[in-house]
Amino acid sequence: MAKSLEMTFETEMGKETKLSVDSPKEPIDPAAVKAVMEQIIAANAFDGNGGNLVAAKGARLVERNVTDYELM
């Protein structure tokens, strides 16, 4: 089962953009995630869809199951 931490930011144009991190350390610490998101915003590290990132909107842990089939 693959897991990723999906962080949602608001851009200066009012749009949402997401940043995902594969295989996050668990259990997820919401306070630490918020602090990291605020550091990303303050560092102006990414240019989101619709301009600079200005606010942390939310975060979620996403799990997905992948089944590969061998075709003969």
PDB file of N, CA and C in Angstrom:
ATOM      1  N   MET A   1       0.847  -1.168   0.000  1.00  0.00           N
ATOM      2  CA  MET A   1       0.000   0.000   0.000  1.00  0.00           C
ATOM      3  C   MET A   1       0.897   1.237   0.000  1.00  0.00           C
ATOM      4  N   ALA A   2       0.738   2.074  -0.978  1.00  0.00           N
ATOM      5  CA  ALA A   2       1.527   3.296  -1.096  1.00  0.00           C
ATOM      6  C   ALA A   2       0.812   4.420  -0.352  1.00  0.00           C
ATOM      7  N   LYS A   3       1.597   5.211   0.382  1.00  0.00           N
ATOM      8  CA  LYS A   3       1.029   6.344   1.118  1.00  0.00           C
ATOM      9  C   LYS A   3       1.761   7.610   0.716  1.00  0.00           C
ATOM     10  N   SER A   4       1.025   8.708   0.738  1.00  0.00           N
ATOM     11  CA  SER A   4       1.645  10.011   0.490  1.00  0.00           C
ATOM     12  C   SER A   4       0.929  11.059   1.334  1.00  0.00           C
ATOM     13  N   LEU A   5       1.681  12.081   1.708  1.00  0.00           N
ATOM     14  CA  LEU A   5       1.119  13.210   2.424  1.00  0.00           C
ATOM     15  C   LEU A   5       0.844  14.284   1.395  1.00  0.00           C
ATOM     16  N   GLU A   6      -0.403  14.687   1.276  1.00  0.00           N
ATOM     17  CA  GLU A   6      -0.813  15.685   0.300  1.00  0.00           C
ATOM     18  C   GLU A   6      -1.114  16.988   1.031  1.00  0.00           C
ATOM     19  N   MET A   7      -0.336  18.027   0.725  1.00  0.00           N
ATOM     20  CA  MET A   7      -0.507  19.332   1.365  1.00  0.00           C
ATOM     21  C   MET A   7      -1.143  20.291   0.365  1.00  0.00           C
ATOM     22  N   THR A   8      -2.186  20.968   0.782  1.00  0.00           N
ATOM     23  CA  THR A   8      -2.907  21.894  -0.085  1.00  0.00           C
ATOM     24  C   THR A   8      -2.626  23.330   0.357  1.00  0.00           C
ATOM     25  N   PHE A   9      -2.241  24.144  -0.625  1.00  0.00           N
ATOM     26  CA  PHE A   9      -1.922  25.546  -0.384  1.00  0.00           C
ATOM     27  C   PHE A   9      -2.856  26.431  -1.195  1.00  0.00           C
ATOM     28  N   GLU A  10      -3.049  27.659  -0.717  1.00  0.00           N
ATOM     29  CA  GLU A  10      -3.761  28.673  -1.489  1.00  0.00           C
ATOM     30  C   GLU A  10      -2.722  29.585  -2.129  1.00  0.00           C
ATOM     31  N   THR A  11      -2.967  29.956  -3.380  1.00  0.00           N
ATOM     32  CA  THR A  11      -2.051  30.855  -4.078  1.00  0.00           C
ATOM     33  C   THR A  11      -2.555  32.289  -3.963  1.00  0.00           C
ATOM     34  N   GLU A  12      -1.705  33.224  -4.370  1.00  0.00           N
ATOM     35  CA  GLU A  12      -2.074  34.643  -4.287  1.00  0.00           C
ATOM     36  C   GLU A  12      -3.248  35.005  -5.187  1.00  0.00           C
ATOM     37  N   MET A  13      -3.579  34.146  -6.136  1.00  0.00           N
ATOM     38  CA  MET A  13      -4.726  34.394  -7.016  1.00  0.00           C
ATOM     39  C   MET A  13      -5.980  33.659  -6.541  1.00  0.00           C
ATOM     40  N   GLY A  14      -5.920  33.102  -5.314  1.00  0.00           N
ATOM     41  CA  GLY A  14      -7.083  32.432  -4.744  1.00  0.00           C
ATOM     42  C   GLY A  14      -7.297  31.014  -5.202  1.00  0.00           C
ATOM     43  N   LYS A  15      -6.342  30.438  -5.930  1.00  0.00           N
ATOM     44  CA  LYS A  15      -6.469  29.065  -6.398  1.00  0.00           C
ATOM     45  C   LYS A  15      -5.794  28.118  -5.411  1.00  0.00           C
ATOM     46  N   GLU A  16      -6.105  26.836  -5.546  1.00  0.00           N
ATOM     47  CA  GLU A  16      -5.464  25.820  -4.721  1.00  0.00           C
ATOM     48  C   GLU A  16      -4.425  25.071  -5.539  1.00  0.00           C
ATOM     49  N   THR A  17      -3.336  24.710  -4.870  1.00  0.00           N
ATOM     50  CA  THR A  17      -2.326  23.868  -5.484  1.00  0.00           C
ATOM     51  C   THR A  17      -1.853  22.870  -4.436  1.00  0.00           C
ATOM     52  N   LYS A  18      -1.374  21.718  -4.877  1.00  0.00           N
ATOM     53  CA  LYS A  18      -1.008  20.648  -3.946  1.00  0.00           C
ATOM     54  C   LYS A  18       0.447  20.246  -4.117  1.00  0.00           C
ATOM     55  N   LEU A  19       1.025  19.817  -3.017  1.00  0.00           N
ATOM     56  CA  LEU A  19       2.384  19.295  -2.980  1.00  0.00           C
ATOM     57  C   LEU A  19       2.300  17.966  -2.248  1.00  0.00           C
ATOM     58  N   SER A  20       2.824  16.900  -2.856  1.00  0.00           N
ATOM     59  CA  SER A  20       2.758  15.571  -2.254  1.00  0.00           C
ATOM     60  C   SER A  20       4.144  15.073  -1.885  1.00  0.00           C
ATOM     61  N   VAL A  21       4.199  14.366  -0.754  1.00  0.00           N
ATOM     62  CA  VAL A  21       5.437  13.755  -0.283  1.00  0.00           C
ATOM     63  C   VAL A  21       5.167  12.261  -0.130  1.00  0.00           C
ATOM     64  N   ASP A  22       5.929  11.435  -0.846  1.00  0.00           N
ATOM     65  CA  ASP A  22       5.759   9.982  -0.764  1.00  0.00           C
ATOM     66  C   ASP A  22       6.344   9.433   0.529  1.00  0.00           C
ATOM     67  N   SER A  23       5.742   8.387   1.032  1.00  0.00           N
ATOM     68  CA  SER A  23       6.198   7.643   2.214  1.00  0.00           C
ATOM     69  C   SER A  23       6.506   8.543   3.405  1.00  0.00           C
ATOM     70  N   PRO A  24       5.531   9.308   3.870  1.00  0.00           N
ATOM     71  CA  PRO A  24       5.776  10.198   5.005  1.00  0.00           C
ATOM     72  C   PRO A  24       5.984   9.415   6.298  1.00  0.00           C
ATOM     73  N   LYS A  25       6.696  10.031   7.231  1.00  0.00           N
ATOM     74  CA  LYS A  25       6.919   9.433   8.544  1.00  0.00           C
ATOM     75  C   LYS A  25       5.593   9.419   9.293  1.00  0.00           C
ATOM     76  N   GLU A  26       5.245   8.272   9.846  1.00  0.00           N
ATOM     77  CA  GLU A  26       4.002   8.154  10.605  1.00  0.00           C
ATOM     78  C   GLU A  26       4.318   7.890  12.058  1.00  0.00           C
ATOM     79  N   PRO A  27       3.457   8.258  12.977  1.00  0.00           N
ATOM     80  CA  PRO A  27       2.184   8.928  12.760  1.00  0.00           C
ATOM     81  C   PRO A  27       2.398  10.385  12.353  1.00  0.00           C
ATOM     82  N   ILE A  28       1.471  10.899  11.578  1.00  0.00           N
ATOM     83  CA  ILE A  28       1.546  12.273  11.101  1.00  0.00           C
ATOM     84  C   ILE A  28       1.308  13.227  12.275  1.00  0.00           C
ATOM     85  N   ASP A  29       2.169  14.210  12.419  1.00  0.00           N
ATOM     86  CA  ASP A  29       2.027  15.237  13.452  1.00  0.00           C
ATOM     87  C   ASP A  29       1.479  16.499  12.780  1.00  0.00           C
ATOM     88  N   PRO A  30       0.180  16.786  12.945  1.00  0.00           N
ATOM     89  CA  PRO A  30      -0.421  17.940  12.273  1.00  0.00           C
ATOM     90  C   PRO A  30       0.295  19.258  12.548  1.00  0.00           C
ATOM     91  N   ALA A  31       0.776  19.454  13.768  1.00  0.00           N
ATOM     92  CA  ALA A  31       1.477  20.700  14.098  1.00  0.00           C
ATOM     93  C   ALA A  31       2.777  20.806  13.314  1.00  0.00           C
ATOM     94  N   ALA A  32       3.493  19.699  13.171  1.00  0.00           N
ATOM     95  CA  ALA A  32       4.745  19.698  12.411  1.00  0.00           C
ATOM     96  C   ALA A  32       4.478  19.937  10.930  1.00  0.00           C
ATOM     97  N   VAL A  33       3.407  19.335  10.398  1.00  0.00           N
ATOM     98  CA  VAL A  33       3.049  19.531   8.989  1.00  0.00           C
ATOM     99  C   VAL A  33       2.719  20.997   8.739  1.00  0.00           C
ATOM    100  N   LYS A  34       1.939  21.613   9.639  1.00  0.00           N
ATOM    101  CA  LYS A  34       1.588  23.020   9.482  1.00  0.00           C
ATOM    102  C   LYS A  34       2.834  23.901   9.535  1.00  0.00           C
ATOM    103  N   ALA A  35       3.760  23.589  10.445  1.00  0.00           N
ATOM    104  CA  ALA A  35       4.999  24.368  10.552  1.00  0.00           C
ATOM    105  C   ALA A  35       5.820  24.272   9.272  1.00  0.00           C
ATOM    106  N   VAL A  36       5.904  23.077   8.705  1.00  0.00           N
ATOM    107  CA  VAL A  36       6.650  22.887   7.450  1.00  0.00           C
ATOM    108  C   VAL A  36       5.969  23.638   6.313  1.00  0.00           C
ATOM    109  N   MET A  37       4.653  23.573   6.260  1.00  0.00           N
ATOM    110  CA  MET A  37       3.923  24.291   5.209  1.00  0.00           C
ATOM    111  C   MET A  37       4.170  25.794   5.311  1.00  0.00           C
ATOM    112  N   GLU A  38       4.182  26.315   6.526  1.00  0.00           N
ATOM    113  CA  GLU A  38       4.447  27.742   6.723  1.00  0.00           C
ATOM    114  C   GLU A  38       5.876  28.102   6.320  1.00  0.00           C
ATOM    115  N   GLN A  39       6.832  27.183   6.564  1.00  0.00           N
ATOM    116  CA  GLN A  39       8.221  27.412   6.138  1.00  0.00           C
ATOM    117  C   GLN A  39       8.319  27.438   4.618  1.00  0.00           C
ATOM    118  N   ILE A  40       7.591  26.545   3.953  1.00  0.00           N
ATOM    119  CA  ILE A  40       7.584  26.514   2.487  1.00  0.00           C
ATOM    120  C   ILE A  40       7.045  27.836   1.952  1.00  0.00           C
ATOM    121  N   ILE A  41       5.960  28.334   2.558  1.00  0.00           N
ATOM    122  CA  ILE A  41       5.375  29.607   2.129  1.00  0.00           C
ATOM    123  C   ILE A  41       6.362  30.748   2.360  1.00  0.00           C
ATOM    124  N   ALA A  42       6.965  30.793   3.548  1.00  0.00           N
ATOM    125  CA  ALA A  42       7.890  31.879   3.895  1.00  0.00           C
ATOM    126  C   ALA A  42       9.131  31.888   3.010  1.00  0.00           C
ATOM    127  N   ALA A  43       9.590  30.702   2.609  1.00  0.00           N
ATOM    128  CA  ALA A  43      10.786  30.602   1.768  1.00  0.00           C
ATOM    129  C   ALA A  43      10.487  30.895   0.304  1.00  0.00           C
ATOM    130  N   ASN A  44       9.187  30.997  -0.017  1.00  0.00           N
ATOM    131  CA  ASN A  44       8.784  31.215  -1.404  1.00  0.00           C
ATOM    132  C   ASN A  44       9.456  30.171  -2.307  1.00  0.00           C
ATOM    133  N   ALA A  45       9.445  28.919  -1.810  1.00  0.00           N
ATOM    134  CA  ALA A  45      10.167  27.823  -2.455  1.00  0.00           C
ATOM    135  C   ALA A  45       9.502  27.326  -3.734  1.00  0.00           C
ATOM    136  N   PHE A  46       8.198  27.497  -3.863  1.00  0.00           N
ATOM    137  CA  PHE A  46       7.481  26.985  -5.021  1.00  0.00           C
ATOM    138  C   PHE A  46       6.566  28.058  -5.587  1.00  0.00           C
ATOM    139  N   ASP A  47       6.409  28.042  -6.878  1.00  0.00           N
ATOM    140  CA  ASP A  47       5.467  28.915  -7.558  1.00  0.00           C
ATOM    141  C   ASP A  47       4.269  28.038  -7.906  1.00  0.00           C
ATOM    142  N   GLY A  48       3.164  28.240  -7.225  1.00  0.00           N
ATOM    143  CA  GLY A  48       2.000  27.388  -7.416  1.00  0.00           C
ATOM    144  C   GLY A  48       1.205  27.743  -8.650  1.00  0.00           C
ATOM    145  N   ASN A  49       0.171  26.959  -8.905  1.00  0.00           N
ATOM    146  CA  ASN A  49      -0.752  27.201 -10.001  1.00  0.00           C
ATOM    147  C   ASN A  49      -1.536  28.461  -9.657  1.00  0.00           C
ATOM    148  N   GLY A  50      -1.153  29.591 -10.244  1.00  0.00           N
ATOM    149  CA  GLY A  50      -1.852  30.828  -9.934  1.00  0.00           C
ATOM    150  C   GLY A  50      -1.046  31.763  -9.063  1.00  0.00           C
ATOM    151  N   GLY A  51       0.281  31.620  -9.065  1.00  0.00           N
ATOM    152  CA  GLY A  51       1.125  32.551  -8.320  1.00  0.00           C
ATOM    153  C   GLY A  51       1.769  31.945  -7.095  1.00  0.00           C
ATOM    154  N   ASN A  52       2.327  32.815  -6.275  1.00  0.00           N
ATOM    155  CA  ASN A  52       3.028  32.385  -5.066  1.00  0.00           C
ATOM    156  C   ASN A  52       2.078  31.764  -4.056  1.00  0.00           C
ATOM    157  N   LEU A  53       2.601  30.877  -3.234  1.00  0.00           N
ATOM    158  CA  LEU A  53       1.815  30.262  -2.171  1.00  0.00           C
ATOM    159  C   LEU A  53       1.670  31.264  -1.034  1.00  0.00           C
ATOM    160  N   VAL A  54       0.442  31.406  -0.528  1.00  0.00           N
ATOM    161  CA  VAL A  54       0.207  32.405   0.524  1.00  0.00           C
ATOM    162  C   VAL A  54      -0.422  31.834   1.795  1.00  0.00           C
ATOM    163  N   ALA A  55      -1.013  30.636   1.723  1.00  0.00           N
ATOM    164  CA  ALA A  55      -1.668  30.081   2.911  1.00  0.00           C
ATOM    165  C   ALA A  55      -1.704  28.564   2.854  1.00  0.00           C
ATOM    166  N   ALA A  56      -1.609  27.948   4.041  1.00  0.00           N
ATOM    167  CA  ALA A  56      -1.766  26.503   4.174  1.00  0.00           C
ATOM    168  C   ALA A  56      -3.262  26.228   4.325  1.00  0.00           C
ATOM    169  N   LYS A  57      -3.830  25.453   3.408  1.00  0.00           N
ATOM    170  CA  LYS A  57      -5.269  25.167   3.427  1.00  0.00           C
ATOM    171  C   LYS A  57      -5.597  23.854   4.131  1.00  0.00           C
ATOM    172  N   GLY A  58      -4.722  22.848   3.994  1.00  0.00           N
ATOM    173  CA  GLY A  58      -5.006  21.560   4.613  1.00  0.00           C
ATOM    174  C   GLY A  58      -3.982  20.521   4.216  1.00  0.00           C
ATOM    175  N   ALA A  59      -4.076  19.379   4.872  1.00  0.00           N
ATOM    176  CA  ALA A  59      -3.180  18.266   4.563  1.00  0.00           C
ATOM    177  C   ALA A  59      -3.951  16.973   4.804  1.00  0.00           C
ATOM    178  N   ARG A  60      -3.563  15.949   4.059  1.00  0.00           N
ATOM    179  CA  ARG A  60      -4.208  14.653   4.252  1.00  0.00           C
ATOM    180  C   ARG A  60      -3.246  13.536   3.878  1.00  0.00           C
ATOM    181  N   LEU A  61      -3.445  12.395   4.514  1.00  0.00           N
ATOM    182  CA  LEU A  61      -2.676  11.198   4.207  1.00  0.00           C
ATOM    183  C   LEU A  61      -3.476  10.394   3.198  1.00  0.00           C
ATOM    184  N   VAL A  62      -2.874  10.103   2.066  1.00  0.00           N
ATOM    185  CA  VAL A  62      -3.553   9.378   0.997  1.00  0.00           C
ATOM    186  C   VAL A  62      -2.946   7.983   0.902  1.00  0.00           C
ATOM    187  N   GLU A  63      -3.796   6.970   0.929  1.00  0.00           N
ATOM    188  CA  GLU A  63      -3.355   5.586   0.770  1.00  0.00           C
ATOM    189  C   GLU A  63      -3.944   5.040  -0.517  1.00  0.00           C
ATOM    190  N   ARG A  64      -3.129   4.277  -1.245  1.00  0.00           N
ATOM    191  CA  ARG A  64      -3.680   3.651  -2.448  1.00  0.00           C
ATOM    192  C   ARG A  64      -3.099   2.255  -2.598  1.00  0.00           C
ATOM    193  N   ASN A  65      -3.929   1.378  -3.094  1.00  0.00           N
ATOM    194  CA  ASN A  65      -3.521   0.007  -3.359  1.00  0.00           C
ATOM    195  C   ASN A  65      -3.251  -0.126  -4.848  1.00  0.00           C
ATOM    196  N   VAL A  66      -2.136  -0.732  -5.180  1.00  0.00           N
ATOM    197  CA  VAL A  66      -1.777  -0.949  -6.563  1.00  0.00           C
ATOM    198  C   VAL A  66      -1.564  -2.444  -6.771  1.00  0.00           C
ATOM    199  N   THR A  67      -2.223  -2.979  -7.760  1.00  0.00           N
ATOM    200  CA  THR A  67      -2.060  -4.395  -8.091  1.00  0.00           C
ATOM    201  C   THR A  67      -1.547  -4.490  -9.522  1.00  0.00           C
ATOM    202  N   ASP A  68      -0.344  -5.040  -9.681  1.00  0.00           N
ATOM    203  CA  ASP A  68       0.221  -5.246 -11.007  1.00  0.00           C
ATOM    204  C   ASP A  68      -0.160  -6.643 -11.494  1.00  0.00           C
ATOM    205  N   TYR A  69      -0.472  -6.739 -12.769  1.00  0.00           N
ATOM    206  CA  TYR A  69      -0.797  -8.006 -13.387  1.00  0.00           C
ATOM    207  C   TYR A  69       0.208  -8.302 -14.473  1.00  0.00           C
ATOM    208  N   GLU A  70       0.742  -9.493 -14.441  1.00  0.00           N
ATOM    209  CA  GLU A  70       1.688  -9.901 -15.468  1.00  0.00           C
ATOM    210  C   GLU A  70       0.893 -10.419 -16.659  1.00  0.00           C
ATOM    211  N   LEU A  71       1.099  -9.789 -17.796  1.00  0.00           N
ATOM    212  CA  LEU A  71       0.407 -10.198 -19.014  1.00  0.00           C
ATOM    213  C   LEU A  71       1.276 -11.202 -19.756  1.00  0.00           C
ATOM    214  N   MET A  72       0.670 -12.296 -20.133  1.00  0.00           N
ATOM    215  CA  MET A  72       1.441 -13.332 -20.832  1.00  0.00           C
ATOM    216  C   MET A  72       1.245 -13.296 -22.301  1.00  0.00           C
TER     217      MET A  72
END
